[in-house]
Amino acid sequence: MQLRIAIAALGLAGLVGTAQAQDADPHLARNLAATCANCHGTNGNAQKGMASLAGESAEKIMKKLAEFRSGDAPATIMHQIVKGYTEEQLALISEWFAAQK
């Protein structure tokens, strides 16, 4: 019984450590958003008819991402990409793009 408690405590400590490491990374949002650059441009300023994300409200971006995730918005790849992120990560990405000019 004590061994199970010790193992559970170690697992919880690892989860807390991971969350703290993410909070400690000042570039996490930017790094997550970098995966969007191929289509939406560096800093969200798209070229060639793709949707620009820079300066859009975080709420609008999150709504669109939710539509891709649910299948309500037509997509070629976004419906797959959005499922690879947690809600918290999507919020970070949305807020990062909203802050861009």
PDB file of N, CA and C in Angstrom:
ATOM      1  N   MET A   1       0.828  -1.192   0.000  1.00  0.00           N
ATOM      2  CA  MET A   1       0.000   0.000   0.000  1.00  0.00           C
ATOM      3  C   MET A   1       0.867   1.249   0.000  1.00  0.00           C
ATOM      4  N   GLN A   2       1.902   1.266   0.845  1.00  0.00           N
ATOM      5  CA  GLN A   2       2.777   2.434   0.904  1.00  0.00           C
ATOM      6  C   GLN A   2       3.530   2.619  -0.410  1.00  0.00           C
ATOM      7  N   LEU A   3       3.884   1.516  -1.055  1.00  0.00           N
ATOM      8  CA  LEU A   3       4.576   1.599  -2.337  1.00  0.00           C
ATOM      9  C   LEU A   3       3.665   2.250  -3.377  1.00  0.00           C
ATOM     10  N   ARG A   4       2.380   1.888  -3.399  1.00  0.00           N
ATOM     11  CA  ARG A   4       1.439   2.484  -4.344  1.00  0.00           C
ATOM     12  C   ARG A   4       1.294   3.985  -4.100  1.00  0.00           C
ATOM     13  N   ILE A   5       1.240   4.376  -2.845  1.00  0.00           N
ATOM     14  CA  ILE A   5       1.132   5.796  -2.507  1.00  0.00           C
ATOM     15  C   ILE A   5       2.383   6.538  -2.972  1.00  0.00           C
ATOM     16  N   ALA A   6       3.550   5.941  -2.756  1.00  0.00           N
ATOM     17  CA  ALA A   6       4.806   6.566  -3.172  1.00  0.00           C
ATOM     18  C   ALA A   6       4.865   6.719  -4.687  1.00  0.00           C
ATOM     19  N   ILE A   7       4.434   5.688  -5.404  1.00  0.00           N
ATOM     20  CA  ILE A   7       4.438   5.739  -6.866  1.00  0.00           C
ATOM     21  C   ILE A   7       3.458   6.807  -7.358  1.00  0.00           C
ATOM     22  N   ALA A   8       2.278   6.855  -6.749  1.00  0.00           N
ATOM     23  CA  ALA A   8       1.296   7.876  -7.127  1.00  0.00           C
ATOM     24  C   ALA A   8       1.831   9.278  -6.857  1.00  0.00           C
ATOM     25  N   ALA A   9       2.518   9.454  -5.731  1.00  0.00           N
ATOM     26  CA  ALA A   9       3.084  10.765  -5.404  1.00  0.00           C
ATOM     27  C   ALA A   9       4.148  11.163  -6.415  1.00  0.00           C
ATOM     28  N   LEU A  10       4.977  10.219  -6.833  1.00  0.00           N
ATOM     29  CA  LEU A  10       5.996  10.512  -7.843  1.00  0.00           C
ATOM     30  C   LEU A  10       5.351  10.897  -9.169  1.00  0.00           C
ATOM     31  N   GLY A  11       4.303  10.182  -9.552  1.00  0.00           N
ATOM     32  CA  GLY A  11       3.606  10.512 -10.798  1.00  0.00           C
ATOM     33  C   GLY A  11       2.999  11.896 -10.749  1.00  0.00           C
ATOM     34  N   LEU A  12       2.388  12.246  -9.627  1.00  0.00           N
ATOM     35  CA  LEU A  12       1.808  13.576  -9.465  1.00  0.00           C
ATOM     36  C   LEU A  12       2.888  14.642  -9.493  1.00  0.00           C
ATOM     37  N   ALA A  13       4.001  14.387  -8.853  1.00  0.00           N
ATOM     38  CA  ALA A  13       5.113  15.345  -8.869  1.00  0.00           C
ATOM     39  C   ALA A  13       5.620  15.544 -10.290  1.00  0.00           C
ATOM     40  N   GLY A  14       5.655  14.488 -11.080  1.00  0.00           N
ATOM     41  CA  GLY A  14       6.081  14.606 -12.465  1.00  0.00           C
ATOM     42  C   GLY A  14       5.126  15.454 -13.280  1.00  0.00           C
ATOM     43  N   LEU A  15       3.826  15.268 -13.054  1.00  0.00           N
ATOM     44  CA  LEU A  15       2.835  16.078 -13.762  1.00  0.00           C
ATOM     45  C   LEU A  15       2.940  17.543 -13.378  1.00  0.00           C
ATOM     46  N   VAL A  16       3.106  17.801 -12.101  1.00  0.00           N
ATOM     47  CA  VAL A  16       3.251  19.184 -11.641  1.00  0.00           C
ATOM     48  C   VAL A  16       4.516  19.787 -12.232  1.00  0.00           C
ATOM     49  N   GLY A  17       5.598  19.028 -12.261  1.00  0.00           N
ATOM     50  CA  GLY A  17       6.849  19.512 -12.838  1.00  0.00           C
ATOM     51  C   GLY A  17       6.704  19.838 -14.309  1.00  0.00           C
ATOM     52  N   THR A  18       5.966  19.007 -15.045  1.00  0.00           N
ATOM     53  CA  THR A  18       5.737  19.262 -16.467  1.00  0.00           C
ATOM     54  C   THR A  18       4.924  20.536 -16.661  1.00  0.00           C
ATOM     55  N   ALA A  19       3.881  20.713 -15.867  1.00  0.00           N
ATOM     56  CA  ALA A  19       3.068  21.917 -15.973  1.00  0.00           C
ATOM     57  C   ALA A  19       3.882  23.154 -15.635  1.00  0.00           C
ATOM     58  N   GLN A  20       4.734  23.053 -14.614  1.00  0.00           N
ATOM     59  CA  GLN A  20       5.564  24.193 -14.245  1.00  0.00           C
ATOM     60  C   GLN A  20       6.580  24.500 -15.335  1.00  0.00           C
ATOM     61  N   ALA A  21       7.100  23.474 -15.986  1.00  0.00           N
ATOM     62  CA  ALA A  21       8.068  23.689 -17.067  1.00  0.00           C
ATOM     63  C   ALA A  21       7.396  24.426 -18.222  1.00  0.00           C
ATOM     64  N   GLN A  22       6.143  24.063 -18.532  1.00  0.00           N
ATOM     65  CA  GLN A  22       5.425  24.756 -19.602  1.00  0.00           C
ATOM     66  C   GLN A  22       5.178  26.205 -19.218  1.00  0.00           C
ATOM     67  N   ASP A  23       4.796  26.438 -17.960  1.00  0.00           N
ATOM     68  CA  ASP A  23       4.556  27.802 -17.495  1.00  0.00           C
ATOM     69  C   ASP A  23       5.843  28.610 -17.507  1.00  0.00           C
ATOM     70  N   ALA A  24       6.969  27.957 -17.290  1.00  0.00           N
ATOM     71  CA  ALA A  24       8.243  28.652 -17.218  1.00  0.00           C
ATOM     72  C   ALA A  24       8.797  29.000 -18.601  1.00  0.00           C
ATOM     73  N   ASP A  25       8.276  28.409 -19.655  1.00  0.00           N
ATOM     74  CA  ASP A  25       8.772  28.659 -21.007  1.00  0.00           C
ATOM     75  C   ASP A  25       8.097  29.906 -21.576  1.00  0.00           C
ATOM     76  N   PRO A  26       8.806  31.020 -21.633  1.00  0.00           N
ATOM     77  CA  PRO A  26       8.193  32.249 -22.122  1.00  0.00           C
ATOM     78  C   PRO A  26       7.904  32.224 -23.627  1.00  0.00           C
ATOM     79  N   HIS A  27       8.427  31.226 -24.323  1.00  0.00           N
ATOM     80  CA  HIS A  27       8.259  31.149 -25.779  1.00  0.00           C
ATOM     81  C   HIS A  27       7.312  30.032 -26.207  1.00  0.00           C
ATOM     82  N   LEU A  28       6.628  29.415 -25.245  1.00  0.00           N
ATOM     83  CA  LEU A  28       5.771  28.280 -25.572  1.00  0.00           C
ATOM     84  C   LEU A  28       4.712  28.635 -26.610  1.00  0.00           C
ATOM     85  N   ALA A  29       4.003  29.741 -26.423  1.00  0.00           N
ATOM     86  CA  ALA A  29       2.954  30.127 -27.372  1.00  0.00           C
ATOM     87  C   ALA A  29       3.535  30.352 -28.764  1.00  0.00           C
ATOM     88  N   ARG A  30       4.646  31.071 -28.833  1.00  0.00           N
ATOM     89  CA  ARG A  30       5.290  31.326 -30.128  1.00  0.00           C
ATOM     90  C   ARG A  30       5.732  30.021 -30.780  1.00  0.00           C
ATOM     91  N   ASN A  31       6.292  29.116 -29.990  1.00  0.00           N
ATOM     92  CA  ASN A  31       6.770  27.850 -30.539  1.00  0.00           C
ATOM     93  C   ASN A  31       5.620  26.998 -31.052  1.00  0.00           C
ATOM     94  N   LEU A  32       4.511  26.988 -30.332  1.00  0.00           N
ATOM     95  CA  LEU A  32       3.343  26.253 -30.810  1.00  0.00           C
ATOM     96  C   LEU A  32       2.810  26.876 -32.091  1.00  0.00           C
ATOM     97  N   ALA A  33       2.751  28.198 -32.141  1.00  0.00           N
ATOM     98  CA  ALA A  33       2.228  28.907 -33.312  1.00  0.00           C
ATOM     99  C   ALA A  33       3.135  28.763 -34.530  1.00  0.00           C
ATOM    100  N   ALA A  34       4.394  28.457 -34.323  1.00  0.00           N
ATOM    101  CA  ALA A  34       5.335  28.329 -35.444  1.00  0.00           C
ATOM    102  C   ALA A  34       4.920  27.231 -36.412  1.00  0.00           C
ATOM    103  N   THR A  35       4.192  26.238 -35.933  1.00  0.00           N
ATOM    104  CA  THR A  35       3.750  25.169 -36.829  1.00  0.00           C
ATOM    105  C   THR A  35       2.730  25.669 -37.848  1.00  0.00           C
ATOM    106  N   CYS A  36       2.153  26.826 -37.612  1.00  0.00           N
ATOM    107  CA  CYS A  36       1.142  27.393 -38.508  1.00  0.00           C
ATOM    108  C   CYS A  36       1.769  28.214 -39.645  1.00  0.00           C
ATOM    109  N   ALA A  37       3.069  28.490 -39.539  1.00  0.00           N
ATOM    110  CA  ALA A  37       3.738  29.405 -40.462  1.00  0.00           C
ATOM    111  C   ALA A  37       3.724  28.929 -41.908  1.00  0.00           C
ATOM    112  N   ASN A  38       3.764  27.634 -42.151  1.00  0.00           N
ATOM    113  CA  ASN A  38       3.801  27.143 -43.529  1.00  0.00           C
ATOM    114  C   ASN A  38       2.612  27.628 -44.346  1.00  0.00           C
ATOM    115  N   CYS A  39       1.454  27.681 -43.728  1.00  0.00           N
ATOM    116  CA  CYS A  39       0.247  28.115 -44.459  1.00  0.00           C
ATOM    117  C   CYS A  39      -0.159  29.544 -44.129  1.00  0.00           C
ATOM    118  N   HIS A  40      -0.029  29.923 -42.866  1.00  0.00           N
ATOM    119  CA  HIS A  40      -0.557  31.212 -42.422  1.00  0.00           C
ATOM    120  C   HIS A  40       0.504  32.297 -42.293  1.00  0.00           C
ATOM    121  N   GLY A  41       1.732  31.982 -42.688  1.00  0.00           N
ATOM    122  CA  GLY A  41       2.795  32.974 -42.709  1.00  0.00           C
ATOM    123  C   GLY A  41       3.454  33.197 -41.357  1.00  0.00           C
ATOM    124  N   THR A  42       4.664  33.694 -41.431  1.00  0.00           N
ATOM    125  CA  THR A  42       5.408  34.034 -40.232  1.00  0.00           C
ATOM    126  C   THR A  42       4.636  35.093 -39.467  1.00  0.00           C
ATOM    127  N   ASN A  43       4.457  34.903 -38.203  1.00  0.00           N
ATOM    128  CA  ASN A  43       3.706  35.807 -37.331  1.00  0.00           C
ATOM    129  C   ASN A  43       2.246  35.956 -37.745  1.00  0.00           C
ATOM    130  N   GLY A  44       1.743  35.025 -38.572  1.00  0.00           N
ATOM    131  CA  GLY A  44       0.331  35.031 -38.937  1.00  0.00           C
ATOM    132  C   GLY A  44      -0.044  35.933 -40.091  1.00  0.00           C
ATOM    133  N   ASN A  45       0.952  36.476 -40.784  1.00  0.00           N
ATOM    134  CA  ASN A  45       0.704  37.332 -41.943  1.00  0.00           C
ATOM    135  C   ASN A  45       0.828  36.479 -43.205  1.00  0.00           C
ATOM    136  N   ALA A  46      -0.289  35.927 -43.644  1.00  0.00           N
ATOM    137  CA  ALA A  46      -0.306  34.957 -44.736  1.00  0.00           C
ATOM    138  C   ALA A  46      -0.082  35.596 -46.097  1.00  0.00           C
ATOM    139  N   GLN A  47       0.363  34.776 -47.023  1.00  0.00           N
ATOM    140  CA  GLN A  47       0.551  35.144 -48.417  1.00  0.00           C
ATOM    141  C   GLN A  47      -0.347  34.248 -49.275  1.00  0.00           C
ATOM    142  N   LYS A  48      -0.538  34.628 -50.497  1.00  0.00           N
ATOM    143  CA  LYS A  48      -1.167  33.774 -51.516  1.00  0.00           C
ATOM    144  C   LYS A  48      -2.566  33.287 -51.158  1.00  0.00           C
ATOM    145  N   GLY A  49      -3.411  34.159 -50.671  1.00  0.00           N
ATOM    146  CA  GLY A  49      -4.810  33.803 -50.468  1.00  0.00           C
ATOM    147  C   GLY A  49      -5.143  32.994 -49.233  1.00  0.00           C
ATOM    148  N   MET A  50      -4.178  32.657 -48.423  1.00  0.00           N
ATOM    149  CA  MET A  50      -4.442  31.925 -47.189  1.00  0.00           C
ATOM    150  C   MET A  50      -4.903  32.914 -46.128  1.00  0.00           C
ATOM    151  N   ALA A  51      -5.682  32.471 -45.182  1.00  0.00           N
ATOM    152  CA  ALA A  51      -6.200  33.356 -44.125  1.00  0.00           C
ATOM    153  C   ALA A  51      -5.071  33.849 -43.222  1.00  0.00           C
ATOM    154  N   SER A  52      -4.994  35.161 -43.051  1.00  0.00           N
ATOM    155  CA  SER A  52      -4.051  35.740 -42.097  1.00  0.00           C
ATOM    156  C   SER A  52      -4.657  35.643 -40.704  1.00  0.00           C
ATOM    157  N   LEU A  53      -3.821  35.379 -39.720  1.00  0.00           N
ATOM    158  CA  LEU A  53      -4.279  35.234 -38.339  1.00  0.00           C
ATOM    159  C   LEU A  53      -3.830  36.403 -37.466  1.00  0.00           C
ATOM    160  N   ALA A  54      -2.814  37.130 -37.895  1.00  0.00           N
ATOM    161  CA  ALA A  54      -2.265  38.223 -37.092  1.00  0.00           C
ATOM    162  C   ALA A  54      -3.326  39.274 -36.824  1.00  0.00           C
ATOM    163  N   GLY A  55      -3.490  39.623 -35.562  1.00  0.00           N
ATOM    164  CA  GLY A  55      -4.407  40.673 -35.176  1.00  0.00           C
ATOM    165  C   GLY A  55      -5.867  40.264 -35.060  1.00  0.00           C
ATOM    166  N   GLU A  56      -6.200  39.039 -35.451  1.00  0.00           N
ATOM    167  CA  GLU A  56      -7.574  38.551 -35.264  1.00  0.00           C
ATOM    168  C   GLU A  56      -7.802  38.345 -33.771  1.00  0.00           C
ATOM    169  N   SER A  57      -9.030  38.467 -33.328  1.00  0.00           N
ATOM    170  CA  SER A  57      -9.290  38.251 -31.901  1.00  0.00           C
ATOM    171  C   SER A  57      -9.082  36.780 -31.559  1.00  0.00           C
ATOM    172  N   ALA A  58      -8.583  36.542 -30.360  1.00  0.00           N
ATOM    173  CA  ALA A  58      -8.365  35.168 -29.901  1.00  0.00           C
ATOM    174  C   ALA A  58      -9.681  34.398 -29.907  1.00  0.00           C
ATOM    175  N   GLU A  59     -10.774  35.064 -29.572  1.00  0.00           N
ATOM    176  CA  GLU A  59     -12.078  34.410 -29.544  1.00  0.00           C
ATOM    177  C   GLU A  59     -12.486  33.945 -30.943  1.00  0.00           C
ATOM    178  N   LYS A  60     -12.240  34.781 -31.944  1.00  0.00           N
ATOM    179  CA  LYS A  60     -12.589  34.418 -33.320  1.00  0.00           C
ATOM    180  C   LYS A  60     -11.741  33.231 -33.795  1.00  0.00           C
ATOM    181  N   ILE A  61     -10.458  33.260 -33.469  1.00  0.00           N
ATOM    182  CA  ILE A  61      -9.578  32.153 -33.859  1.00  0.00           C
ATOM    183  C   ILE A  61     -10.015  30.871 -33.163  1.00  0.00           C
ATOM    184  N   MET A  62     -10.301  30.941 -31.866  1.00  0.00           N
ATOM    185  CA  MET A  62     -10.733  29.758 -31.122  1.00  0.00           C
ATOM    186  C   MET A  62     -12.047  29.201 -31.685  1.00  0.00           C
ATOM    187  N   LYS A  63     -12.959  30.087 -32.073  1.00  0.00           N
ATOM    188  CA  LYS A  63     -14.235  29.642 -32.654  1.00  0.00           C
ATOM    189  C   LYS A  63     -13.989  28.879 -33.949  1.00  0.00           C
ATOM    190  N   LYS A  64     -13.111  29.405 -34.789  1.00  0.00           N
ATOM    191  CA  LYS A  64     -12.806  28.751 -36.060  1.00  0.00           C
ATOM    192  C   LYS A  64     -12.121  27.398 -35.818  1.00  0.00           C
ATOM    193  N   LEU A  65     -11.207  27.361 -34.854  1.00  0.00           N
ATOM    194  CA  LEU A  65     -10.538  26.099 -34.535  1.00  0.00           C
ATOM    195  C   LEU A  65     -11.536  25.055 -34.034  1.00  0.00           C
ATOM    196  N   ALA A  66     -12.491  25.495 -33.227  1.00  0.00           N
ATOM    197  CA  ALA A  66     -13.524  24.583 -32.733  1.00  0.00           C
ATOM    198  C   ALA A  66     -14.369  24.053 -33.891  1.00  0.00           C
ATOM    199  N   GLU A  67     -14.642  24.907 -34.874  1.00  0.00           N
ATOM    200  CA  GLU A  67     -15.407  24.479 -36.048  1.00  0.00           C
ATOM    201  C   GLU A  67     -14.630  23.452 -36.870  1.00  0.00           C
ATOM    202  N   PHE A  68     -13.324  23.643 -36.988  1.00  0.00           N
ATOM    203  CA  PHE A  68     -12.501  22.645 -37.681  1.00  0.00           C
ATOM    204  C   PHE A  68     -12.517  21.327 -36.917  1.00  0.00           C
ATOM    205  N   ARG A  69     -12.343  21.414 -35.588  1.00  0.00           N
ATOM    206  CA  ARG A  69     -12.285  20.207 -34.760  1.00  0.00           C
ATOM    207  C   ARG A  69     -13.584  19.415 -34.853  1.00  0.00           C
ATOM    208  N   SER A  70     -14.720  20.099 -34.859  1.00  0.00           N
ATOM    209  CA  SER A  70     -16.018  19.418 -34.885  1.00  0.00           C
ATOM    210  C   SER A  70     -16.419  18.958 -36.285  1.00  0.00           C
ATOM    211  N   GLY A  71     -15.748  19.507 -37.309  1.00  0.00           N
ATOM    212  CA  GLY A  71     -16.108  19.174 -38.679  1.00  0.00           C
ATOM    213  C   GLY A  71     -17.140  20.127 -39.266  1.00  0.00           C
ATOM    214  N   ASP A  72     -17.537  21.150 -38.496  1.00  0.00           N
ATOM    215  CA  ASP A  72     -18.520  22.118 -38.984  1.00  0.00           C
ATOM    216  C   ASP A  72     -17.948  23.040 -40.059  1.00  0.00           C
ATOM    217  N   ALA A  73     -16.629  23.234 -40.074  1.00  0.00           N
ATOM    218  CA  ALA A  73     -15.988  24.070 -41.094  1.00  0.00           C
ATOM    219  C   ALA A  73     -15.267  23.150 -42.084  1.00  0.00           C
ATOM    220  N   PRO A  74     -15.428  23.409 -43.386  1.00  0.00           N
ATOM    221  CA  PRO A  74     -14.719  22.595 -44.371  1.00  0.00           C
ATOM    222  C   PRO A  74     -13.213  22.822 -44.251  1.00  0.00           C
ATOM    223  N   ALA A  75     -12.454  21.769 -44.448  1.00  0.00           N
ATOM    224  CA  ALA A  75     -11.004  21.873 -44.306  1.00  0.00           C
ATOM    225  C   ALA A  75     -10.314  20.822 -45.154  1.00  0.00           C
ATOM    226  N   THR A  76      -9.097  21.141 -45.553  1.00  0.00           N
ATOM    227  CA  THR A  76      -8.277  20.142 -46.236  1.00  0.00           C
ATOM    228  C   THR A  76      -7.361  19.454 -45.219  1.00  0.00           C
ATOM    229  N   ILE A  77      -6.828  20.214 -44.277  1.00  0.00           N
ATOM    230  CA  ILE A  77      -5.894  19.657 -43.300  1.00  0.00           C
ATOM    231  C   ILE A  77      -6.166  20.120 -41.873  1.00  0.00           C
ATOM    232  N   MET A  78      -6.802  21.292 -41.722  1.00  0.00           N
ATOM    233  CA  MET A  78      -6.984  21.868 -40.388  1.00  0.00           C
ATOM    234  C   MET A  78      -7.773  20.971 -39.443  1.00  0.00           C
ATOM    235  N   HIS A  79      -8.719  20.210 -39.960  1.00  0.00           N
ATOM    236  CA  HIS A  79      -9.497  19.326 -39.092  1.00  0.00           C
ATOM    237  C   HIS A  79      -8.604  18.260 -38.452  1.00  0.00           C
ATOM    238  N   GLN A  80      -7.505  17.924 -39.105  1.00  0.00           N
ATOM    239  CA  GLN A  80      -6.559  16.962 -38.532  1.00  0.00           C
ATOM    240  C   GLN A  80      -5.571  17.660 -37.601  1.00  0.00           C
ATOM    241  N   ILE A  81      -5.065  18.803 -38.019  1.00  0.00           N
ATOM    242  CA  ILE A  81      -4.063  19.522 -37.227  1.00  0.00           C
ATOM    243  C   ILE A  81      -4.622  19.936 -35.873  1.00  0.00           C
ATOM    244  N   VAL A  82      -5.826  20.500 -35.849  1.00  0.00           N
ATOM    245  CA  VAL A  82      -6.394  21.032 -34.612  1.00  0.00           C
ATOM    246  C   VAL A  82      -6.584  19.940 -33.559  1.00  0.00           C
ATOM    247  N   LYS A  83      -6.792  18.719 -33.984  1.00  0.00           N
ATOM    248  CA  LYS A  83      -6.981  17.619 -33.033  1.00  0.00           C
ATOM    249  C   LYS A  83      -5.690  17.220 -32.338  1.00  0.00           C
ATOM    250  N   GLY A  84      -4.559  17.720 -32.826  1.00  0.00           N
ATOM    251  CA  GLY A  84      -3.272  17.411 -32.210  1.00  0.00           C
ATOM    252  C   GLY A  84      -2.905  18.325 -31.053  1.00  0.00           C
ATOM    253  N   TYR A  85      -3.770  19.275 -30.727  1.00  0.00           N
ATOM    254  CA  TYR A  85      -3.499  20.245 -29.667  1.00  0.00           C
ATOM    255  C   TYR A  85      -4.552  20.160 -28.576  1.00  0.00           C
ATOM    256  N   THR A  86      -4.163  20.477 -27.363  1.00  0.00           N
ATOM    257  CA  THR A  86      -5.114  20.585 -26.261  1.00  0.00           C
ATOM    258  C   THR A  86      -5.822  21.934 -26.369  1.00  0.00           C
ATOM    259  N   GLU A  87      -6.907  22.087 -25.650  1.00  0.00           N
ATOM    260  CA  GLU A  87      -7.615  23.374 -25.617  1.00  0.00           C
ATOM    261  C   GLU A  87      -6.696  24.474 -25.086  1.00  0.00           C
ATOM    262  N   GLU A  88      -5.886  24.140 -24.098  1.00  0.00           N
ATOM    263  CA  GLU A  88      -4.965  25.120 -23.523  1.00  0.00           C
ATOM    264  C   GLU A  88      -3.926  25.562 -24.549  1.00  0.00           C
ATOM    265  N   GLN A  89      -3.420  24.617 -25.326  1.00  0.00           N
ATOM    266  CA  GLN A  89      -2.449  24.958 -26.365  1.00  0.00           C
ATOM    267  C   GLN A  89      -3.093  25.809 -27.452  1.00  0.00           C
ATOM    268  N   LEU A  90      -4.310  25.475 -27.841  1.00  0.00           N
ATOM    269  CA  LEU A  90      -5.013  26.271 -28.851  1.00  0.00           C
ATOM    270  C   LEU A  90      -5.268  27.683 -28.348  1.00  0.00           C
ATOM    271  N   ALA A  91      -5.576  27.819 -27.067  1.00  0.00           N
ATOM    272  CA  ALA A  91      -5.779  29.153 -26.491  1.00  0.00           C
ATOM    273  C   ALA A  91      -4.482  29.950 -26.532  1.00  0.00           C
ATOM    274  N   LEU A  92      -3.355  29.307 -26.212  1.00  0.00           N
ATOM    275  CA  LEU A  92      -2.057  29.988 -26.280  1.00  0.00           C
ATOM    276  C   LEU A  92      -1.760  30.453 -27.700  1.00  0.00           C
ATOM    277  N   ILE A  93      -1.988  29.579 -28.664  1.00  0.00           N
ATOM    278  CA  ILE A  93      -1.749  29.909 -30.067  1.00  0.00           C
ATOM    279  C   ILE A  93      -2.647  31.069 -30.498  1.00  0.00           C
ATOM    280  N   SER A  94      -3.927  30.997 -30.156  1.00  0.00           N
ATOM    281  CA  SER A  94      -4.888  32.044 -30.535  1.00  0.00           C
ATOM    282  C   SER A  94      -4.507  33.393 -29.942  1.00  0.00           C
ATOM    283  N   GLU A  95      -4.131  33.374 -28.676  1.00  0.00           N
ATOM    284  CA  GLU A  95      -3.725  34.627 -28.010  1.00  0.00           C
ATOM    285  C   GLU A  95      -2.455  35.186 -28.619  1.00  0.00           C
ATOM    286  N   TRP A  96      -1.531  34.308 -28.999  1.00  0.00           N
ATOM    287  CA  TRP A  96      -0.283  34.754 -29.615  1.00  0.00           C
ATOM    288  C   TRP A  96      -0.567  35.451 -30.943  1.00  0.00           C
ATOM    289  N   PHE A  97      -1.389  34.822 -31.793  1.00  0.00           N
ATOM    290  CA  PHE A  97      -1.719  35.434 -33.080  1.00  0.00           C
ATOM    291  C   PHE A  97      -2.493  36.736 -32.893  1.00  0.00           C
ATOM    292  N   ALA A  98      -3.374  36.777 -31.916  1.00  0.00           N
ATOM    293  CA  ALA A  98      -4.142  37.999 -31.657  1.00  0.00           C
ATOM    294  C   ALA A  98      -3.223  39.167 -31.303  1.00  0.00           C
ATOM    295  N   ALA A  99      -2.105  38.882 -30.689  1.00  0.00           N
ATOM    296  CA  ALA A  99      -1.172  39.928 -30.255  1.00  0.00           C
ATOM    297  C   ALA A  99      -0.240  40.400 -31.376  1.00  0.00           C
ATOM    298  N   GLN A 100      -0.262  39.711 -32.524  1.00  0.00           N
ATOM    299  CA  GLN A 100       0.617  40.070 -33.635  1.00  0.00           C
ATOM    300  C   GLN A 100       0.007  41.212 -34.442  1.00  0.00           C
ATOM    301  N   LYS A 101       0.884  41.965 -35.129  1.00  0.00           N
ATOM    302  CA  LYS A 101       0.425  43.085 -35.974  1.00  0.00           C
ATOM    303  C   LYS A 101       0.357  42.681 -37.428  1.00  0.00           C
TER     304      LYS A 101
END
